[in-house]
Amino acid sequence: MTIRTAKFQIGQVVKHRIFPFRGIVFDVDPVFANSEQWYQAIPPDIRPHKDQPFYHLLAVNAEGAYIAYVSEQNLVSDVGPLTHPQIETFFVSYDNGRYQPKPRIAN
């Protein structure tokens, strides 16, 4: 399995290549790190390879806000702020086309 460098960064606004939603990247897995049940639920003809970055998104579509887990191949860059109830959990502001992450305290 080859591990690639993530194309999108924390705070970057993206949209899904196929489905009508936008999101803000708040975490990145270098390869697939969700359950096998979740993976198998994706129809085989559109199931992404596991050996690429997967992104945790604060996502928004016409029905509302939610958390999404999306493969890199299915995302493209987007611009403009979003409205999501959890933005303030992860970010302090929207500047220069991306959300600025809150400082993290490390041990």
N, C-alpha and C. Protein backbone atom coordinates (compact mmCIF):
# COMPACT_ATOMS: atom_id res chain seq x y z
N MET A 1 0.84 -1.17 0.00
CA MET A 1 0.00 0.00 0.00
C MET A 1 0.89 1.24 0.00
N THR A 2 0.65 2.17 -0.93
CA THR A 2 1.40 3.40 -1.02
C THR A 2 0.66 4.51 -0.28
N ILE A 3 1.37 5.24 0.57
CA ILE A 3 0.77 6.36 1.28
C ILE A 3 1.19 7.65 0.58
N ARG A 4 0.20 8.48 0.25
CA ARG A 4 0.47 9.73 -0.43
C ARG A 4 0.34 10.91 0.53
N THR A 5 0.89 12.03 0.15
CA THR A 5 0.74 13.26 0.91
C THR A 5 -0.65 13.82 0.65
N ALA A 6 -1.28 14.31 1.69
CA ALA A 6 -2.63 14.85 1.56
C ALA A 6 -2.64 16.10 0.67
N LYS A 7 -3.60 16.17 -0.22
CA LYS A 7 -3.75 17.29 -1.15
C LYS A 7 -4.42 18.49 -0.47
N PHE A 8 -5.33 18.22 0.45
CA PHE A 8 -6.09 19.27 1.12
C PHE A 8 -5.62 19.43 2.56
N GLN A 9 -5.75 20.64 3.09
CA GLN A 9 -5.25 20.97 4.42
C GLN A 9 -6.39 21.24 5.39
N ILE A 10 -6.06 21.16 6.69
CA ILE A 10 -7.02 21.51 7.73
C ILE A 10 -7.48 22.95 7.49
N GLY A 11 -8.79 23.16 7.53
CA GLY A 11 -9.36 24.48 7.32
C GLY A 11 -9.72 24.80 5.89
N GLN A 12 -9.32 23.95 4.97
CA GLN A 12 -9.60 24.20 3.55
C GLN A 12 -11.06 23.86 3.23
N VAL A 13 -11.68 24.67 2.38
CA VAL A 13 -13.05 24.43 1.94
C VAL A 13 -12.98 23.57 0.67
N VAL A 14 -13.79 22.52 0.64
CA VAL A 14 -13.82 21.59 -0.48
C VAL A 14 -15.27 21.29 -0.84
N LYS A 15 -15.45 20.67 -2.00
CA LYS A 15 -16.78 20.18 -2.36
C LYS A 15 -16.62 18.79 -2.95
N HIS A 16 -17.69 18.01 -2.85
CA HIS A 16 -17.66 16.66 -3.39
C HIS A 16 -17.75 16.72 -4.91
N ARG A 17 -16.99 15.87 -5.53
CA ARG A 17 -16.92 15.84 -6.99
C ARG A 17 -18.22 15.34 -7.63
N ILE A 18 -18.96 14.48 -6.91
CA ILE A 18 -20.18 13.87 -7.46
C ILE A 18 -21.44 14.35 -6.74
N PHE A 19 -21.42 14.29 -5.42
CA PHE A 19 -22.61 14.61 -4.62
C PHE A 19 -22.64 16.09 -4.25
N PRO A 20 -23.85 16.66 -4.11
CA PRO A 20 -23.98 18.10 -3.89
C PRO A 20 -23.77 18.53 -2.43
N PHE A 21 -22.52 18.50 -1.98
CA PHE A 21 -22.23 19.07 -0.67
C PHE A 21 -20.85 19.68 -0.65
N ARG A 22 -20.69 20.63 0.29
CA ARG A 22 -19.42 21.30 0.53
C ARG A 22 -19.00 20.99 1.95
N GLY A 23 -17.72 21.22 2.25
CA GLY A 23 -17.26 20.96 3.60
C GLY A 23 -15.96 21.66 3.93
N ILE A 24 -15.63 21.63 5.21
CA ILE A 24 -14.37 22.17 5.73
C ILE A 24 -13.58 21.00 6.29
N VAL A 25 -12.35 20.84 5.87
CA VAL A 25 -11.50 19.77 6.37
C VAL A 25 -11.13 20.07 7.82
N PHE A 26 -11.45 19.12 8.74
CA PHE A 26 -11.03 19.31 10.12
C PHE A 26 -10.10 18.20 10.61
N ASP A 27 -9.90 17.16 9.81
CA ASP A 27 -8.94 16.11 10.16
C ASP A 27 -8.66 15.31 8.88
N VAL A 28 -7.49 14.66 8.86
CA VAL A 28 -7.08 13.88 7.70
C VAL A 28 -6.50 12.55 8.17
N ASP A 29 -6.92 11.46 7.53
CA ASP A 29 -6.30 10.15 7.73
C ASP A 29 -5.44 9.88 6.50
N PRO A 30 -4.18 9.47 6.67
CA PRO A 30 -3.32 9.24 5.50
C PRO A 30 -3.81 8.11 4.59
N VAL A 31 -4.55 7.17 5.16
CA VAL A 31 -5.21 6.09 4.42
C VAL A 31 -6.55 5.85 5.09
N PHE A 32 -7.39 5.04 4.49
CA PHE A 32 -8.70 4.73 5.04
C PHE A 32 -8.60 4.24 6.48
N ALA A 33 -9.40 4.83 7.37
CA ALA A 33 -9.37 4.46 8.79
C ALA A 33 -10.77 4.40 9.39
N ASN A 34 -11.74 4.02 8.60
CA ASN A 34 -13.10 3.85 9.09
C ASN A 34 -13.39 2.35 9.17
N SER A 35 -14.62 1.98 9.49
CA SER A 35 -14.94 0.56 9.64
C SER A 35 -15.08 -0.14 8.29
N GLU A 36 -14.84 -1.43 8.30
CA GLU A 36 -15.01 -2.22 7.08
C GLU A 36 -16.48 -2.22 6.66
N GLN A 37 -17.38 -2.20 7.61
CA GLN A 37 -18.82 -2.16 7.32
C GLN A 37 -19.16 -0.88 6.55
N TRP A 38 -18.60 0.25 6.98
CA TRP A 38 -18.82 1.52 6.29
C TRP A 38 -18.31 1.42 4.86
N TYR A 39 -17.12 0.87 4.70
CA TYR A 39 -16.49 0.75 3.38
C TYR A 39 -17.31 -0.15 2.45
N GLN A 40 -17.75 -1.28 2.95
CA GLN A 40 -18.51 -2.22 2.13
C GLN A 40 -19.89 -1.68 1.75
N ALA A 41 -20.40 -0.70 2.49
CA ALA A 41 -21.70 -0.11 2.18
C ALA A 41 -21.65 0.78 0.94
N ILE A 42 -20.44 1.16 0.52
CA ILE A 42 -20.29 1.97 -0.69
C ILE A 42 -20.46 1.05 -1.90
N PRO A 43 -21.30 1.42 -2.86
CA PRO A 43 -21.47 0.57 -4.04
C PRO A 43 -20.12 0.28 -4.71
N PRO A 44 -19.88 -0.97 -5.08
CA PRO A 44 -18.58 -1.35 -5.66
C PRO A 44 -18.12 -0.51 -6.85
N ASP A 45 -19.05 -0.06 -7.66
CA ASP A 45 -18.66 0.70 -8.85
C ASP A 45 -18.16 2.12 -8.53
N ILE A 46 -18.40 2.61 -7.31
CA ILE A 46 -17.88 3.92 -6.92
C ILE A 46 -17.01 3.86 -5.66
N ARG A 47 -16.73 2.65 -5.18
CA ARG A 47 -15.94 2.47 -3.96
C ARG A 47 -14.49 2.93 -4.20
N PRO A 48 -13.98 3.87 -3.39
CA PRO A 48 -12.61 4.36 -3.58
C PRO A 48 -11.58 3.38 -3.03
N HIS A 49 -10.36 3.51 -3.53
CA HIS A 49 -9.26 2.72 -2.98
C HIS A 49 -8.95 3.20 -1.57
N LYS A 50 -8.50 2.30 -0.72
CA LYS A 50 -8.19 2.65 0.68
C LYS A 50 -6.84 3.34 0.84
N ASP A 51 -5.97 3.24 -0.16
CA ASP A 51 -4.60 3.74 -0.02
C ASP A 51 -4.44 5.19 -0.46
N GLN A 52 -5.37 6.03 -0.04
CA GLN A 52 -5.31 7.46 -0.33
C GLN A 52 -5.78 8.21 0.91
N PRO A 53 -5.47 9.47 1.02
CA PRO A 53 -5.98 10.22 2.17
C PRO A 53 -7.51 10.26 2.19
N PHE A 54 -8.06 10.21 3.39
CA PHE A 54 -9.50 10.37 3.63
C PHE A 54 -9.66 11.54 4.59
N TYR A 55 -10.68 12.34 4.33
CA TYR A 55 -10.87 13.60 5.04
C TYR A 55 -12.14 13.59 5.88
N HIS A 56 -12.01 14.12 7.08
CA HIS A 56 -13.15 14.35 7.96
C HIS A 56 -13.61 15.78 7.66
N LEU A 57 -14.87 15.93 7.31
CA LEU A 57 -15.39 17.23 6.91
C LEU A 57 -16.56 17.68 7.77
N LEU A 58 -16.62 18.98 8.06
CA LEU A 58 -17.84 19.60 8.54
C LEU A 58 -18.60 19.90 7.25
N ALA A 59 -19.59 19.09 6.95
CA ALA A 59 -20.25 19.13 5.65
C ALA A 59 -21.62 19.80 5.73
N VAL A 60 -22.02 20.38 4.59
CA VAL A 60 -23.31 21.05 4.47
C VAL A 60 -23.90 20.73 3.10
N ASN A 61 -25.18 20.35 3.11
CA ASN A 61 -25.91 20.18 1.85
C ASN A 61 -27.28 20.82 1.99
N ALA A 62 -28.17 20.60 1.06
CA ALA A 62 -29.49 21.23 1.08
C ALA A 62 -30.32 20.81 2.29
N GLU A 63 -30.05 19.63 2.85
CA GLU A 63 -30.81 19.15 4.01
C GLU A 63 -30.25 19.63 5.34
N GLY A 64 -29.01 20.08 5.38
CA GLY A 64 -28.45 20.57 6.63
C GLY A 64 -26.97 20.26 6.79
N ALA A 65 -26.53 20.29 8.06
CA ALA A 65 -25.12 20.10 8.40
C ALA A 65 -24.88 18.72 8.99
N TYR A 66 -23.71 18.17 8.72
CA TYR A 66 -23.34 16.84 9.23
C TYR A 66 -21.84 16.67 9.13
N ILE A 67 -21.34 15.53 9.60
CA ILE A 67 -19.92 15.16 9.48
C ILE A 67 -19.81 14.15 8.35
N ALA A 68 -18.85 14.35 7.45
CA ALA A 68 -18.64 13.42 6.33
C ALA A 68 -17.22 12.88 6.37
N TYR A 69 -17.04 11.72 5.78
CA TYR A 69 -15.72 11.07 5.65
C TYR A 69 -15.57 10.76 4.17
N VAL A 70 -14.62 11.41 3.50
CA VAL A 70 -14.56 11.37 2.05
C VAL A 70 -13.14 11.12 1.56
N SER A 71 -13.03 10.29 0.52
CA SER A 71 -11.73 10.01 -0.09
C SER A 71 -11.24 11.22 -0.88
N GLU A 72 -9.93 11.34 -0.98
CA GLU A 72 -9.34 12.46 -1.70
C GLU A 72 -9.82 12.52 -3.15
N GLN A 73 -9.95 11.37 -3.80
CA GLN A 73 -10.34 11.35 -5.21
C GLN A 73 -11.71 11.96 -5.46
N ASN A 74 -12.52 12.07 -4.42
CA ASN A 74 -13.87 12.60 -4.58
C ASN A 74 -14.02 14.05 -4.14
N LEU A 75 -12.92 14.72 -3.89
CA LEU A 75 -12.97 16.11 -3.45
C LEU A 75 -12.25 17.03 -4.43
N VAL A 76 -12.75 18.26 -4.51
CA VAL A 76 -12.09 19.32 -5.26
C VAL A 76 -12.13 20.57 -4.39
N SER A 77 -11.18 21.47 -4.62
CA SER A 77 -11.13 22.73 -3.87
C SER A 77 -12.37 23.56 -4.15
N ASP A 78 -12.76 24.33 -3.16
CA ASP A 78 -13.89 25.25 -3.29
C ASP A 78 -13.52 26.53 -2.53
N VAL A 79 -14.34 27.54 -2.67
CA VAL A 79 -14.09 28.80 -1.97
C VAL A 79 -15.37 29.29 -1.33
N GLY A 80 -15.21 30.12 -0.33
CA GLY A 80 -16.34 30.73 0.34
C GLY A 80 -16.65 30.09 1.66
N PRO A 81 -17.11 30.89 2.61
CA PRO A 81 -17.42 30.38 3.94
C PRO A 81 -18.65 29.48 3.94
N LEU A 82 -18.76 28.68 4.98
CA LEU A 82 -19.90 27.79 5.18
C LEU A 82 -20.55 28.10 6.53
N THR A 83 -21.77 27.63 6.69
CA THR A 83 -22.46 27.71 7.97
C THR A 83 -22.62 26.29 8.48
N HIS A 84 -21.99 26.01 9.61
CA HIS A 84 -22.07 24.67 10.23
C HIS A 84 -22.01 24.88 11.73
N PRO A 85 -22.85 24.20 12.51
CA PRO A 85 -22.90 24.43 13.96
C PRO A 85 -21.61 24.07 14.71
N GLN A 86 -20.71 23.31 14.11
CA GLN A 86 -19.49 22.90 14.80
C GLN A 86 -18.24 23.67 14.37
N ILE A 87 -18.40 24.67 13.54
CA ILE A 87 -17.23 25.43 13.08
C ILE A 87 -16.42 25.97 14.26
N GLU A 88 -17.10 26.55 15.24
CA GLU A 88 -16.39 27.16 16.38
C GLU A 88 -15.68 26.12 17.26
N THR A 89 -16.01 24.85 17.12
CA THR A 89 -15.32 23.79 17.86
C THR A 89 -13.89 23.64 17.36
N PHE A 90 -13.68 23.84 16.07
CA PHE A 90 -12.38 23.57 15.45
C PHE A 90 -11.65 24.81 14.94
N PHE A 91 -12.38 25.88 14.64
CA PHE A 91 -11.78 27.03 13.95
C PHE A 91 -12.09 28.34 14.65
N VAL A 92 -11.16 29.31 14.48
CA VAL A 92 -11.35 30.63 15.10
C VAL A 92 -11.87 31.67 14.12
N SER A 93 -11.56 31.53 12.84
CA SER A 93 -11.99 32.54 11.87
C SER A 93 -11.87 31.99 10.45
N TYR A 94 -12.43 32.76 9.52
CA TYR A 94 -12.29 32.48 8.10
C TYR A 94 -11.50 33.63 7.50
N ASP A 95 -10.27 33.35 7.07
CA ASP A 95 -9.39 34.37 6.52
C ASP A 95 -8.70 33.85 5.28
N ASN A 96 -8.56 34.72 4.28
CA ASN A 96 -7.82 34.38 3.06
C ASN A 96 -8.28 33.07 2.42
N GLY A 97 -9.59 32.82 2.42
CA GLY A 97 -10.12 31.66 1.73
C GLY A 97 -10.09 30.35 2.48
N ARG A 98 -9.69 30.37 3.76
CA ARG A 98 -9.73 29.13 4.53
C ARG A 98 -9.99 29.43 6.00
N TYR A 99 -10.40 28.39 6.71
CA TYR A 99 -10.67 28.51 8.13
C TYR A 99 -9.38 28.33 8.91
N GLN A 100 -9.19 29.19 9.90
CA GLN A 100 -7.97 29.14 10.72
C GLN A 100 -8.25 28.26 11.95
N PRO A 101 -7.46 27.18 12.10
CA PRO A 101 -7.70 26.25 13.22
C PRO A 101 -7.43 26.88 14.58
N LYS A 102 -8.16 26.41 15.57
CA LYS A 102 -7.89 26.81 16.95
C LYS A 102 -6.55 26.22 17.36
N PRO A 103 -5.81 26.93 18.20
CA PRO A 103 -4.55 26.36 18.70
C PRO A 103 -4.86 25.12 19.51
N ARG A 104 -3.99 24.13 19.39
CA ARG A 104 -4.17 22.89 20.15
C ARG A 104 -3.15 22.82 21.27
N ILE A 105 -3.56 22.28 22.39
CA ILE A 105 -2.65 22.08 23.51
C ILE A 105 -2.18 20.65 23.46
N ALA A 106 -0.87 20.46 23.44
CA ALA A 106 -0.29 19.11 23.37
C ALA A 106 0.42 18.79 24.67
N ASN A 107 0.42 17.51 25.02
CA ASN A 107 1.17 17.05 26.20
C ASN A 107 2.59 16.75 25.84
